[in-house]
């Protein structure tokens, strides 16, 4: 099976190693290649991949919204998040987003239960929306988006509020919550290693940072789990989108192996 990754920053990507390990674990031949693609050139990259016989591709920053616009079909998860991180090359170009389900899997692994809890999400981009989607799916009592761009945070809250009417979605300044999720790039290579949370706020009972492979300021100040588990699970969810379901037990077992590659 030929697969790959399209993105602007691929030098640090763990995806090729993840899928090499997955190939060994499943006993399946997976030819996975990372391809640097500039904004505005995704359609050309997709056409070339199709011609080369790829089954599909992952998409990473800064191309997720471009991928969304390019798709002829979108899954409900992709529509809800407003971004695509997985493409499947059927007769039509099908876009999906596995970040939300990947986060749900990671929260379960970490023993973080959102049902009936208040959650605070830092950020308002695609990753933050995916976090809001996951929390809504998991029955959170409320989800608040706190971001530098107020309009994006308000739109995320409005859009997800329609999907999950039992969860109260809001946007604005930070407010107390039992669960915090950092969905900003702070702490990633090339970005300041600072926490998006105000210093005066008391750390929550549980927290998760979507940044992986680094011990960030957010993690140090909150004892948050990093994003390794989410990355492993979203990769497995992507494989299932291209192939077939692995099942919850098999997926969880494989994730533990893949996390070793990411760490």
Protein backbone atom coordinates (compact mmCIF):
# COMPACT_ATOMS: atom_id res chain seq x y z
CA UNK A 1 0.00 0.00 0.00
CA UNK A 2 1.43 3.35 -1.04
CA UNK A 3 0.78 6.21 1.36
CA UNK A 4 2.40 9.47 2.34
CA UNK A 5 2.42 12.81 4.09
CA UNK A 6 2.00 16.29 2.62
CA UNK A 7 3.09 19.27 4.69
CA UNK A 8 5.26 22.32 5.00
CA UNK A 9 7.29 21.16 8.00
CA UNK A 10 8.06 17.48 7.47
CA UNK A 11 11.71 17.20 8.51
CA UNK A 12 10.74 16.51 12.14
CA UNK A 13 7.73 14.31 11.30
CA UNK A 14 7.54 10.93 13.03
CA UNK A 15 4.98 9.67 10.50
CA UNK A 16 7.41 7.72 8.26
CA UNK A 17 8.78 5.88 11.32
CA UNK A 18 5.28 5.31 12.66
CA UNK A 19 4.10 3.64 9.47
CA UNK A 20 7.31 1.65 9.08
CA UNK A 21 6.72 0.21 12.56
CA UNK A 22 3.05 -0.37 11.75
CA UNK A 23 4.05 -2.18 8.56
CA UNK A 24 6.20 -4.56 10.60
CA UNK A 25 3.54 -5.10 13.26
CA UNK A 26 0.76 -5.81 10.76
CA UNK A 27 2.90 -7.79 8.34
CA UNK A 28 1.74 -5.48 5.58
CA UNK A 29 3.94 -3.77 3.02
CA UNK A 30 3.44 -0.01 3.47
CA UNK A 31 5.42 2.38 1.30
CA UNK A 32 5.12 5.71 3.14
CA UNK A 33 6.81 8.89 1.95
CA UNK A 34 6.89 12.42 3.35
CA UNK A 35 6.64 15.14 0.69
CA UNK A 36 7.21 18.84 1.31
CA UNK A 37 4.40 20.84 -0.29
CA UNK A 38 4.05 24.60 -0.34
CA UNK A 39 0.68 26.31 0.16
CA UNK A 40 -1.18 26.48 -3.13
CA UNK A 41 0.51 23.37 -4.52
CA UNK A 42 -1.49 20.63 -2.82
CA UNK A 43 -3.67 19.87 -5.87
CA UNK A 44 -0.57 19.22 -7.96
CA UNK A 45 0.91 16.99 -5.24
CA UNK A 46 -2.32 15.00 -5.01
CA UNK A 47 -2.42 14.52 -8.78
CA UNK A 48 1.15 13.22 -8.77
CA UNK A 49 0.41 10.88 -5.87
CA UNK A 50 -2.64 9.49 -7.63
CA UNK A 51 -0.58 8.85 -10.75
CA UNK A 52 2.02 7.04 -8.62
CA UNK A 53 -0.67 4.74 -7.22
CA UNK A 54 -0.99 6.08 -3.69
CA UNK A 55 -4.02 4.96 -1.68
CA UNK A 56 -4.09 8.16 0.35
CA UNK A 57 -2.11 10.63 2.41
CA UNK A 58 -1.88 12.41 5.71
CA UNK A 59 -1.91 16.21 5.64
CA UNK A 60 -0.21 18.44 8.16
CA UNK A 61 0.35 22.16 8.68
CA UNK A 62 -0.12 24.47 6.90
CA UNK A 63 -2.23 22.51 4.40
CA UNK A 64 -5.19 21.18 6.39
CA UNK A 65 -7.62 23.92 5.36
CA UNK A 66 -6.38 23.81 1.76
CA UNK A 67 -7.04 20.06 1.77
CA UNK A 68 -10.53 20.69 3.10
CA UNK A 69 -11.31 23.03 0.19
CA UNK A 70 -9.85 20.62 -2.35
CA UNK A 71 -11.93 17.59 -1.36
CA UNK A 72 -14.94 16.45 -3.36
CA UNK A 73 -16.34 14.55 -0.39
CA UNK A 74 -15.95 15.16 3.35
CA UNK A 75 -16.69 12.98 6.34
CA UNK A 76 -18.83 14.40 9.17
CA UNK A 77 -15.72 14.68 11.37
CA UNK A 78 -13.90 16.74 8.74
CA UNK A 79 -16.90 19.04 8.32
CA UNK A 80 -17.19 19.53 12.06
CA UNK A 81 -13.51 20.41 12.49
CA UNK A 82 -13.28 22.44 9.28
CA UNK A 83 -9.95 20.88 8.38
CA UNK A 84 -8.66 17.69 6.75
CA UNK A 85 -5.67 15.69 7.94
CA UNK A 86 -6.33 12.54 5.92
CA UNK A 87 -7.04 12.14 2.22
CA UNK A 88 -8.29 8.98 0.53
CA UNK A 89 -7.92 8.64 -3.20
CA UNK A 90 -11.19 7.04 -4.23
CA UNK A 91 -12.84 7.95 -7.51
CA UNK A 92 -13.50 11.19 -5.66
CA UNK A 93 -11.03 12.86 -3.32
CA UNK A 94 -12.35 12.11 0.19
CA UNK A 95 -11.29 14.17 3.19
CA UNK A 96 -11.39 13.06 6.80
CA UNK A 97 -10.10 14.28 10.16
CA UNK A 98 -8.76 11.78 12.69
CA UNK A 99 -7.51 14.30 15.27
CA UNK A 100 -10.75 14.24 17.27
CA UNK A 101 -11.00 10.46 17.52
CA UNK A 102 -7.26 10.29 18.15
CA UNK A 103 -7.67 12.64 21.09
CA UNK A 104 -10.61 10.66 22.44
CA UNK A 105 -8.46 7.53 22.36
CA UNK A 106 -5.60 9.39 24.08
CA UNK A 107 -7.88 10.78 26.79
CA UNK A 108 -9.19 7.29 27.48
CA UNK A 109 -5.65 5.92 27.71
CA UNK A 110 -4.72 8.68 30.16
CA UNK A 111 -7.81 8.02 32.28
CA UNK A 112 -9.19 11.51 31.65
CA UNK A 113 -12.98 11.47 31.74
CA UNK A 114 -14.67 14.53 30.29
CA UNK A 115 -18.30 13.63 30.94
CA UNK A 116 -19.90 16.29 33.11
CA UNK A 117 -16.62 18.25 33.40
CA UNK A 118 -15.62 21.77 32.42
CA UNK A 119 -12.84 21.97 29.82
CA UNK A 120 -10.59 24.81 28.71
CA UNK A 121 -9.03 24.58 25.25
CA UNK A 122 -6.14 26.89 24.38
CA UNK A 123 -6.25 27.76 20.69
CA UNK A 124 -8.92 28.06 18.00
CA UNK A 125 -7.39 26.43 14.93
CA UNK A 126 -8.04 22.99 13.50
CA UNK A 127 -6.41 21.17 16.41
CA UNK A 128 -8.44 23.16 18.92
CA UNK A 129 -11.66 22.48 17.05
CA UNK A 130 -10.79 18.78 16.98
CA UNK A 131 -10.27 18.95 20.75
CA UNK A 132 -13.66 20.62 21.17
CA UNK A 133 -15.25 17.94 18.99
CA UNK A 134 -13.66 15.18 21.10
CA UNK A 135 -14.81 16.81 24.36
CA UNK A 136 -18.31 17.29 23.01
CA UNK A 137 -18.42 13.64 21.94
CA UNK A 138 -17.26 12.64 25.39
CA UNK A 139 -20.06 14.56 27.08
CA UNK A 140 -18.19 17.49 28.62
CA UNK A 141 -20.44 19.89 30.50
CA UNK A 142 -18.76 22.92 28.98
CA UNK A 143 -15.88 23.76 26.64
CA UNK A 144 -14.28 27.20 26.53
CA UNK A 145 -11.91 28.28 23.77
CA UNK A 146 -9.24 30.78 24.75
CA UNK A 147 -7.20 32.12 21.83
CA UNK A 148 -5.40 35.19 20.55
CA UNK A 149 -7.89 35.51 17.68
CA UNK A 150 -11.23 36.07 19.36
CA UNK A 151 -13.27 35.73 16.15
CA UNK A 152 -11.88 32.25 15.43
CA UNK A 153 -12.56 31.14 18.98
CA UNK A 154 -16.13 32.45 18.82
CA UNK A 155 -16.73 30.68 15.49
CA UNK A 156 -15.38 27.41 16.87
CA UNK A 157 -17.71 27.69 19.86
CA UNK A 158 -20.70 28.53 17.67
CA UNK A 159 -20.08 25.74 15.14
CA UNK A 160 -19.49 23.03 17.72
CA UNK A 161 -22.36 24.25 19.87
CA UNK A 162 -24.72 23.33 17.03
CA UNK A 163 -23.32 19.79 16.90
CA UNK A 164 -23.31 19.18 20.65
CA UNK A 165 -26.23 21.11 22.19
CA UNK A 166 -25.79 19.37 25.56
CA UNK A 167 -22.30 20.85 25.91
CA UNK A 168 -21.99 24.58 26.50
CA UNK A 169 -19.38 26.00 24.12
CA UNK A 170 -18.05 29.50 24.80
CA UNK A 171 -15.07 31.66 23.87
CA UNK A 172 -13.13 34.33 25.71
CA UNK A 173 -10.73 34.81 28.58
CA UNK A 174 -9.54 31.78 30.52
CA UNK A 175 -11.96 30.42 33.09
CA UNK A 176 -11.59 27.69 35.72
CA UNK A 177 -11.96 24.14 34.39
CA UNK A 178 -11.16 20.59 35.45
CA UNK A 179 -9.52 19.73 32.12
CA UNK A 180 -7.06 21.81 30.09
CA UNK A 181 -5.91 21.06 26.56
CA UNK A 182 -3.16 22.98 24.81
CA UNK A 183 -3.95 23.04 21.10
CA UNK A 184 -1.59 25.93 20.30
CA UNK A 185 1.89 25.46 18.77
CA UNK A 186 3.59 26.88 21.87
CA UNK A 187 6.38 24.53 22.83
CA UNK A 188 6.83 23.12 19.33
CA UNK A 189 10.18 23.49 17.60
CA UNK A 190 10.37 26.99 16.15
CA UNK A 191 7.87 28.44 18.64
CA UNK A 192 8.38 29.96 22.13
CA UNK A 193 8.41 27.43 24.93
CA UNK A 194 5.83 29.20 27.04
CA UNK A 195 2.50 28.13 28.45
CA UNK A 196 -0.72 29.67 27.07
CA UNK A 197 -2.22 29.51 30.55
CA UNK A 198 -2.06 32.59 32.80
CA UNK A 199 0.37 32.07 35.70
CA UNK A 200 -2.26 33.07 38.23
CA UNK A 201 -4.54 30.15 37.35
CA UNK A 202 -4.56 27.05 39.52
CA UNK A 203 -3.57 23.98 37.44
CA UNK A 204 -6.46 21.62 36.63
CA UNK A 205 -7.04 18.07 37.75
CA UNK A 206 -6.07 16.80 34.30
CA UNK A 207 -4.36 18.27 31.25
CA UNK A 208 -3.11 17.24 27.84
CA UNK A 209 -0.66 18.97 25.51
CA UNK A 210 -0.98 18.20 21.80
CA UNK A 211 2.73 18.96 21.34
CA UNK A 212 4.73 15.73 21.26
CA UNK A 213 8.37 14.74 21.62
CA UNK A 214 9.23 17.70 23.85
CA UNK A 215 8.82 18.54 27.53
CA UNK A 216 7.08 21.90 27.21
CA UNK A 217 6.38 24.67 29.66
CA UNK A 218 2.68 23.75 29.58
CA UNK A 219 3.51 20.17 30.52
CA UNK A 220 5.87 21.22 33.28
CA UNK A 221 3.36 23.59 34.86
CA UNK A 222 0.36 21.25 34.68
CA UNK A 223 1.83 17.73 34.71
CA UNK A 224 0.07 17.30 31.37
CA UNK A 225 0.45 14.28 29.13
CA UNK A 226 2.14 15.10 25.83
CA UNK A 227 0.65 14.52 22.38
CA UNK A 228 2.45 11.24 21.62
CA UNK A 229 -0.58 9.06 22.29
CA UNK A 230 -2.86 11.28 20.23
CA UNK A 231 -0.43 11.16 17.30
CA UNK A 232 -0.23 7.37 17.49
CA UNK A 233 -3.99 6.94 17.68
CA UNK A 234 -4.74 9.42 14.88
CA UNK A 235 -2.25 7.57 12.66
CA UNK A 236 -4.01 4.29 13.39
CA UNK A 237 -7.39 5.90 12.72
CA UNK A 238 -6.01 7.15 9.39
CA UNK A 239 -4.85 3.65 8.48
CA UNK A 240 -8.33 2.35 9.22
CA UNK A 241 -9.79 5.03 6.93
CA UNK A 242 -7.55 3.77 4.13
CA UNK A 243 -7.96 0.06 4.88
CA UNK A 244 -10.29 -1.50 7.46
CA UNK A 245 -11.08 -1.30 11.16
CA UNK A 246 -8.49 -2.70 13.54
CA UNK A 247 -10.87 -2.88 16.48
CA UNK A 248 -10.49 -1.07 19.80
CA UNK A 249 -8.33 -3.72 21.50
CA UNK A 250 -5.93 -4.13 18.58
CA UNK A 251 -5.74 -0.36 18.11
CA UNK A 252 -4.83 0.19 21.75
CA UNK A 253 -2.16 -2.52 21.61
CA UNK A 254 -0.59 -1.10 18.46
CA UNK A 255 -0.66 2.43 19.87
CA UNK A 256 1.60 1.42 22.77
CA UNK A 257 4.19 0.22 20.27
CA UNK A 258 3.91 3.32 18.10
CA UNK A 259 4.29 5.66 21.07
CA UNK A 260 7.81 4.27 21.53
CA UNK A 261 8.68 5.50 18.02
CA UNK A 262 7.27 8.97 18.74
CA UNK A 263 8.83 9.55 22.17
